Amino acid sequence: SRTQNEGHPKWFVLGVGQVIKGLDIAMINMCPGEKRKVIIPPSLAYGQQGYAQGKIPPNATLIFEIELYAVNKGPRSVEAFTQIDKDSDKKLSVLEISQYLKEEFARDGKKRHPSVHDEILADIFKKNDHDGDGFISAKEYNVYEHDEL
């Protein structure tokens, strides 16, 4: 939002809940430079509760004019999942993610206590291995196949 961010574009990861569901849906398959005017019903915005103590009232329909400036592959992209999934079994093991973390740590060159690696690895599985099977599936990683609207 240029009005709320001192004239600067807002950067976010599409499809992970950083913006309202209606914007996630409205921006699917947009191309850099494309502009859209979208009307978002309350059910895909802030619903019956509204937002920010009256800034957006309950059951408000929202209208946005959006322009997409750039698209970057994020850490939750299909490409990132494929890069980590060394044995191509469509799930990430502790060993695969551990190796990925080691490579990322080596790439950034920062000194870390060895326990940091284990803490991050444990946290990744705690937050992402929803079924507790010891693997992170593509769905748990938030990589989805989808049909066009």
Protein backbone atom coordinates (compact mmCIF):
# COMPACT_ATOMS: atom_id res chain seq x y z
CA SER A 1 0.00 0.00 0.00
CA ARG A 2 1.57 3.24 -1.06
CA THR A 3 -0.70 5.24 1.24
CA GLN A 4 0.26 3.35 4.39
CA ASN A 5 3.91 2.70 3.62
CA GLU A 6 5.20 6.21 2.88
CA GLY A 7 4.87 5.72 -0.87
CA HIS A 8 6.84 2.47 -0.99
CA PRO A 9 5.48 -0.82 -2.36
CA LYS A 10 4.52 -3.54 0.09
CA TRP A 11 6.53 -6.77 -0.29
CA PHE A 12 5.02 -10.07 0.88
CA VAL A 13 4.98 -13.79 0.16
CA LEU A 14 1.91 -14.77 -1.81
CA GLY A 15 -0.18 -17.65 -0.52
CA VAL A 16 1.09 -17.92 3.06
CA GLY A 17 -1.39 -15.64 4.84
CA GLN A 18 0.67 -12.45 5.02
CA VAL A 19 -2.22 -10.57 3.40
CA ILE A 20 -5.97 -11.19 3.38
CA LYS A 21 -7.18 -14.27 1.50
CA GLY A 22 -8.87 -12.12 -1.16
CA LEU A 23 -5.57 -10.50 -2.15
CA ASP A 24 -3.82 -13.86 -2.22
CA ILE A 25 -6.48 -15.08 -4.66
CA ALA A 26 -6.64 -11.85 -6.68
CA MET A 27 -2.92 -11.82 -7.36
CA ILE A 28 -2.58 -15.40 -8.61
CA ASN A 29 -0.86 -15.44 -12.00
CA MET A 30 -0.27 -11.69 -12.12
CA CYS A 31 2.70 -10.59 -14.19
CA PRO A 32 5.16 -7.83 -13.29
CA GLY A 33 3.75 -4.51 -14.50
CA GLU A 34 0.17 -5.78 -14.51
CA LYS A 35 -2.54 -3.73 -12.79
CA ARG A 36 -5.87 -5.02 -11.47
CA LYS A 37 -8.86 -3.52 -9.74
CA VAL A 38 -10.28 -6.11 -7.35
CA ILE A 39 -13.40 -6.19 -5.20
CA ILE A 40 -13.00 -8.42 -2.16
CA PRO A 41 -16.07 -9.58 -0.22
CA PRO A 42 -16.01 -9.62 3.59
CA SER A 43 -15.65 -13.42 3.64
CA LEU A 44 -12.23 -13.08 1.94
CA ALA A 45 -11.22 -9.98 3.91
CA TYR A 46 -11.87 -9.20 7.59
CA GLY A 47 -15.36 -10.68 7.92
CA GLN A 48 -17.68 -9.91 10.80
CA GLN A 49 -14.92 -8.71 13.13
CA GLY A 50 -13.54 -5.91 10.95
CA TYR A 51 -9.99 -4.68 11.52
CA ALA A 52 -7.98 -2.19 13.55
CA GLN A 53 -10.66 -0.80 15.85
CA GLY A 54 -12.96 0.71 13.26
CA LYS A 55 -10.45 1.43 10.47
CA ILE A 56 -12.20 -1.32 8.52
CA PRO A 57 -15.73 -1.91 9.82
CA PRO A 58 -17.36 -5.34 10.17
CA ASN A 59 -18.64 -6.92 6.94
CA ALA A 60 -16.77 -4.43 4.74
CA THR A 61 -16.32 -5.09 1.03
CA LEU A 62 -12.82 -3.91 0.06
CA ILE A 63 -11.77 -2.40 -3.26
CA PHE A 64 -8.10 -2.39 -4.22
CA GLU A 65 -6.20 -1.12 -7.21
CA ILE A 66 -3.07 -3.23 -7.30
CA GLU A 67 0.03 -3.17 -9.45
CA LEU A 68 2.60 -5.93 -9.33
CA TYR A 69 6.13 -4.56 -9.57
CA ALA A 70 8.20 -7.73 -9.28
CA VAL A 71 8.06 -11.45 -8.55
CA ASN A 72 10.85 -13.33 -6.81
CA LYS A 73 11.05 -17.02 -6.04
CA GLY A 74 10.72 -17.37 -2.29
CA PRO A 75 11.92 -19.98 0.18
CA ARG A 76 8.57 -21.79 -0.15
CA SER A 77 8.73 -22.14 -3.92
CA VAL A 78 8.48 -25.42 -5.82
CA GLU A 79 12.06 -24.82 -6.97
CA ALA A 80 13.34 -24.50 -3.39
CA PHE A 81 11.50 -27.68 -2.34
CA THR A 82 12.97 -29.57 -5.31
CA GLN A 83 16.47 -28.29 -4.50
CA ILE A 84 16.24 -29.54 -0.90
CA ASP A 85 14.59 -32.87 -1.87
CA LYS A 86 17.83 -34.58 -2.97
CA ASP A 87 16.28 -38.05 -3.38
CA SER A 88 13.22 -36.70 -5.26
CA ASP A 89 10.75 -38.58 -3.06
CA LYS A 90 8.47 -35.52 -2.68
CA LYS A 91 9.17 -35.19 1.05
CA LEU A 92 11.94 -33.57 3.05
CA SER A 93 13.81 -35.65 5.61
CA VAL A 94 15.75 -34.41 8.63
CA LEU A 95 18.96 -35.27 6.78
CA GLU A 96 17.96 -33.29 3.65
CA ILE A 97 16.98 -30.19 5.61
CA SER A 98 20.06 -30.49 7.81
CA GLN A 99 22.28 -30.56 4.71
CA TYR A 100 20.42 -27.58 3.23
CA LEU A 101 20.94 -25.60 6.45
CA LYS A 102 24.67 -26.41 6.44
CA GLU A 103 24.94 -25.18 2.84
CA GLU A 104 23.03 -21.98 3.64
CA PHE A 105 25.18 -21.32 6.73
CA ALA A 106 28.34 -21.83 4.69
CA ARG A 107 27.03 -19.50 1.98
CA ASP A 108 26.37 -16.59 4.35
CA GLY A 109 29.70 -17.05 6.15
CA LYS A 110 28.47 -16.01 9.62
CA LYS A 111 29.98 -17.70 12.66
CA ARG A 112 27.40 -19.65 14.67
CA HIS A 113 27.54 -21.90 17.69
CA PRO A 114 26.96 -25.53 16.53
CA SER A 115 23.81 -25.74 18.66
CA VAL A 116 22.11 -23.13 16.45
CA HIS A 117 21.88 -25.63 13.59
CA ASP A 118 20.13 -28.21 15.79
CA GLU A 119 17.76 -25.61 17.26
CA ILE A 120 16.73 -24.35 13.82
CA LEU A 121 16.29 -27.89 12.50
CA ALA A 122 14.10 -28.85 15.48
CA ASP A 123 12.05 -25.67 15.05
CA ILE A 124 11.50 -26.33 11.33
CA PHE A 125 10.08 -29.79 12.06
CA LYS A 126 8.04 -28.58 15.03
CA LYS A 127 6.36 -25.93 12.88
CA ASN A 128 6.05 -27.84 9.60
CA ASP A 129 5.77 -31.60 10.22
CA HIS A 130 2.05 -31.39 10.98
CA ASP A 131 1.38 -35.14 10.83
CA GLY A 132 4.47 -35.98 12.92
CA ASP A 133 5.82 -38.58 10.48
CA GLY A 134 9.38 -37.20 10.52
CA PHE A 135 9.11 -35.77 7.00
CA ILE A 136 7.86 -32.49 5.58
CA SER A 137 5.60 -33.12 2.60
CA ALA A 138 5.06 -30.66 -0.23
CA LYS A 139 1.70 -29.76 1.32
CA GLU A 140 3.25 -29.17 4.75
CA TYR A 141 5.92 -27.05 3.06
CA ASN A 142 3.13 -25.00 1.43
CA VAL A 143 3.92 -26.06 -2.13
CA TYR A 144 0.58 -26.65 -3.79
CA GLU A 145 -0.51 -27.76 -7.21
CA HIS A 146 -3.61 -25.78 -8.18
CA ASP A 147 -6.22 -25.37 -10.87
CA GLU A 148 -6.63 -22.00 -12.52
CA LEU A 149 -9.68 -19.98 -11.46
